[in-house]
Amino acid sequence: MTRPLKTFLMTMLLGLTYVSAAYAQSCTSTPAEQAKDQAAILDTMQTFFAAATTDDLAKFRSIVTANFYAFDGGKRFDGDALMELIKTAHAAGKVYVWSVTEPEVHVECNTAWIAYVDRGSIQDASGKKDLTWLESGIFEKQNGAWRIRFLHSTRVPQA
């Protein structure tokens, strides 16, 4: 290996080490800050379900990113399409109940993810059916607020 190549590679290695160290330092947080972020993420998730329960599109838009999308029922729903699906179901007489249980929240700088069990129900003219979904989401911190960028929901088969 030539001396200029060795010098270049050492410079790049040192530069990457510096950038990596600077990034790690800027992302450190205290346990209290982590707990605050985790609570804010749970609150955002609950706000999501409150907006869906009441067909509140403005509230929904206030807690999702501009490029939000979801996987639900084997389909991809971009932006407002998920809310439109729920609104249509409500108009057909369906009543949904959702709840975040057993949450695990992980925060890394301005990105976070959550995994939880959604224990709820669907009620329509035929009656009420208790259901469980396994769900997860990715969050971005924008201007100090946690917003949902991606959501995934899988219904647990009933025995």
Protein backbone atom coordinates (compact mmCIF):
# COMPACT_ATOMS: atom_id res chain seq x y z
CA MET A 1 0.00 0.00 0.00
CA THR A 2 1.40 3.40 -0.93
CA ARG A 3 2.06 6.08 1.65
CA PRO A 4 -0.56 8.52 0.21
CA LEU A 5 -3.18 5.75 0.29
CA LYS A 6 -2.28 4.87 3.90
CA THR A 7 -2.51 8.55 4.86
CA PHE A 8 -5.88 8.87 3.14
CA LEU A 9 -7.27 5.77 4.84
CA MET A 10 -6.03 6.86 8.28
CA THR A 11 -7.56 10.31 7.75
CA MET A 12 -10.89 8.75 6.76
CA LEU A 13 -10.82 6.39 9.76
CA LEU A 14 -10.10 9.25 12.15
CA GLY A 15 -12.84 11.34 10.54
CA LEU A 16 -15.39 8.56 10.87
CA THR A 17 -14.37 7.96 14.47
CA TYR A 18 -14.82 11.68 15.23
CA VAL A 19 -18.23 11.85 13.52
CA SER A 20 -19.35 8.67 15.28
CA ALA A 21 -18.23 9.99 18.67
CA ALA A 22 -19.88 13.37 18.08
CA TYR A 23 -23.14 11.67 17.06
CA ALA A 24 -23.08 9.41 20.11
CA GLN A 25 -22.48 12.39 22.42
CA SER A 26 -25.33 14.40 20.91
CA CYS A 27 -27.73 11.49 21.41
CA THR A 28 -27.08 10.75 25.04
CA SER A 29 -29.94 11.34 27.41
CA THR A 30 -30.55 10.88 31.09
CA PRO A 31 -32.89 8.21 32.42
CA ALA A 32 -35.38 11.00 33.24
CA GLU A 33 -35.25 12.27 29.63
CA GLN A 34 -35.70 8.72 28.34
CA ALA A 35 -38.73 8.24 30.60
CA LYS A 36 -40.19 11.57 29.43
CA ASP A 37 -39.75 10.57 25.76
CA GLN A 38 -41.27 7.13 26.40
CA ALA A 39 -44.29 8.72 28.09
CA ALA A 40 -44.68 11.19 25.21
CA ILE A 41 -44.60 8.34 22.69
CA LEU A 42 -47.29 6.44 24.61
CA ASP A 43 -49.36 9.63 24.76
CA THR A 44 -48.95 10.09 20.99
CA MET A 45 -50.13 6.52 20.42
CA GLN A 46 -53.18 7.09 22.61
CA THR A 47 -53.90 10.35 20.77
CA PHE A 48 -53.77 8.38 17.52
CA PHE A 49 -56.49 6.04 18.79
CA ALA A 50 -58.55 8.95 20.16
CA ALA A 51 -58.42 10.62 16.74
CA ALA A 52 -59.42 7.36 15.03
CA THR A 53 -62.28 6.80 17.49
CA THR A 54 -63.80 10.22 16.74
CA ASP A 55 -62.81 10.51 13.04
CA ASP A 56 -60.76 13.58 13.95
CA LEU A 57 -58.58 14.12 10.88
CA ALA A 58 -57.01 17.33 12.24
CA LYS A 59 -55.89 15.57 15.43
CA PHE A 60 -54.60 12.64 13.37
CA ARG A 61 -52.56 14.96 11.14
CA SER A 62 -51.10 16.70 14.21
CA ILE A 63 -49.41 13.49 15.42
CA VAL A 64 -48.22 11.84 12.20
CA THR A 65 -45.42 12.79 9.82
CA ALA A 66 -46.17 14.12 6.34
CA ASN A 67 -44.98 10.79 4.89
CA PHE A 68 -46.91 8.58 7.35
CA TYR A 69 -48.14 5.21 6.18
CA ALA A 70 -49.50 2.06 7.79
CA PHE A 71 -49.77 -1.64 7.09
CA ASP A 72 -53.12 -2.92 8.31
CA GLY A 73 -55.29 -5.82 7.20
CA GLY A 74 -52.70 -6.87 4.64
CA LYS A 75 -52.74 -3.50 2.86
CA ARG A 76 -50.72 -0.30 2.79
CA PHE A 77 -52.52 2.93 3.68
CA ASP A 78 -50.82 6.22 2.88
CA GLY A 79 -51.56 9.46 4.72
CA ASP A 80 -55.25 10.02 5.36
CA ALA A 81 -56.36 6.75 3.73
CA LEU A 82 -56.28 4.87 7.06
CA MET A 83 -58.54 7.46 8.65
CA GLU A 84 -60.88 7.27 5.65
CA LEU A 85 -61.08 3.48 6.07
CA ILE A 86 -62.01 3.87 9.74
CA LYS A 87 -64.51 6.65 8.99
CA THR A 88 -66.20 4.42 6.39
CA ALA A 89 -66.39 1.57 8.91
CA HIS A 90 -67.92 3.93 11.49
CA ALA A 91 -70.52 5.06 8.93
CA ALA A 92 -71.39 1.39 8.39
CA GLY A 93 -72.16 1.07 12.12
CA LYS A 94 -68.89 -0.41 13.40
CA VAL A 95 -67.54 0.72 16.75
CA TYR A 96 -63.88 0.06 17.51
CA VAL A 97 -62.16 0.03 20.87
CA TRP A 98 -58.36 0.04 20.94
CA SER A 99 -55.95 0.00 23.89
CA VAL A 100 -52.18 -0.07 24.17
CA THR A 101 -51.09 -2.81 26.58
CA GLU A 102 -47.70 -4.32 27.32
CA PRO A 103 -45.84 -1.49 25.55
CA GLU A 104 -42.11 -1.59 24.88
CA VAL A 105 -40.72 1.79 23.85
CA HIS A 106 -37.17 2.34 22.61
CA VAL A 107 -35.68 5.78 21.94
CA GLU A 108 -32.53 6.53 19.93
CA CYS A 109 -31.96 10.26 19.45
CA ASN A 110 -34.84 11.57 17.31
CA THR A 111 -36.11 8.13 16.35
CA ALA A 112 -38.15 5.74 18.45
CA TRP A 113 -40.12 2.57 18.04
CA ILE A 114 -42.89 0.95 20.00
CA ALA A 115 -44.25 -2.59 20.11
CA TYR A 116 -47.42 -3.40 22.04
CA VAL A 117 -50.47 -5.61 22.28
CA ASP A 118 -53.70 -3.86 21.33
CA ARG A 119 -56.56 -5.45 23.25
CA GLY A 120 -59.87 -4.14 22.04
CA SER A 121 -63.07 -4.93 20.24
CA ILE A 122 -65.28 -4.36 17.24
CA GLN A 123 -69.00 -3.96 17.65
CA ASP A 124 -71.64 -3.89 14.92
CA ALA A 125 -75.25 -4.99 14.43
CA SER A 126 -74.25 -8.63 15.00
CA GLY A 127 -72.75 -7.86 18.42
CA LYS A 128 -69.43 -7.20 20.09
CA LYS A 129 -66.30 -9.21 19.32
CA ASP A 130 -63.19 -8.94 21.52
CA LEU A 131 -60.02 -8.86 19.43
CA THR A 132 -56.28 -8.60 19.89
CA TRP A 133 -53.74 -7.08 17.52
CA LEU A 134 -49.94 -7.11 17.63
CA GLU A 135 -48.81 -3.63 16.64
CA SER A 136 -45.65 -1.62 16.23
CA GLY A 137 -44.70 1.85 15.13
CA ILE A 138 -41.80 4.08 14.21
CA PHE A 139 -41.67 7.65 15.51
CA GLU A 140 -39.69 10.77 14.60
CA LYS A 141 -39.11 13.71 16.90
CA GLN A 142 -39.92 16.88 14.97
CA ASN A 143 -39.68 20.31 16.57
CA GLY A 144 -39.67 18.69 20.02
CA ALA A 145 -42.79 16.54 19.43
CA TRP A 146 -42.96 12.83 18.70
CA ARG A 147 -44.84 11.99 15.49
CA ILE A 148 -45.78 8.61 14.06
CA ARG A 149 -44.08 7.83 10.76
CA PHE A 150 -45.09 4.18 10.33
CA LEU A 151 -47.58 1.81 11.93
CA HIS A 152 -48.06 -1.92 11.52
CA SER A 153 -50.99 -3.96 12.79
CA THR A 154 -51.54 -7.70 12.67
CA ARG A 155 -54.71 -9.26 14.06
CA VAL A 156 -54.13 -12.22 16.36
CA PRO A 157 -56.16 -15.20 15.14
CA GLN A 158 -58.87 -16.27 17.53
CA ALA A 159 -58.82 -19.79 18.85
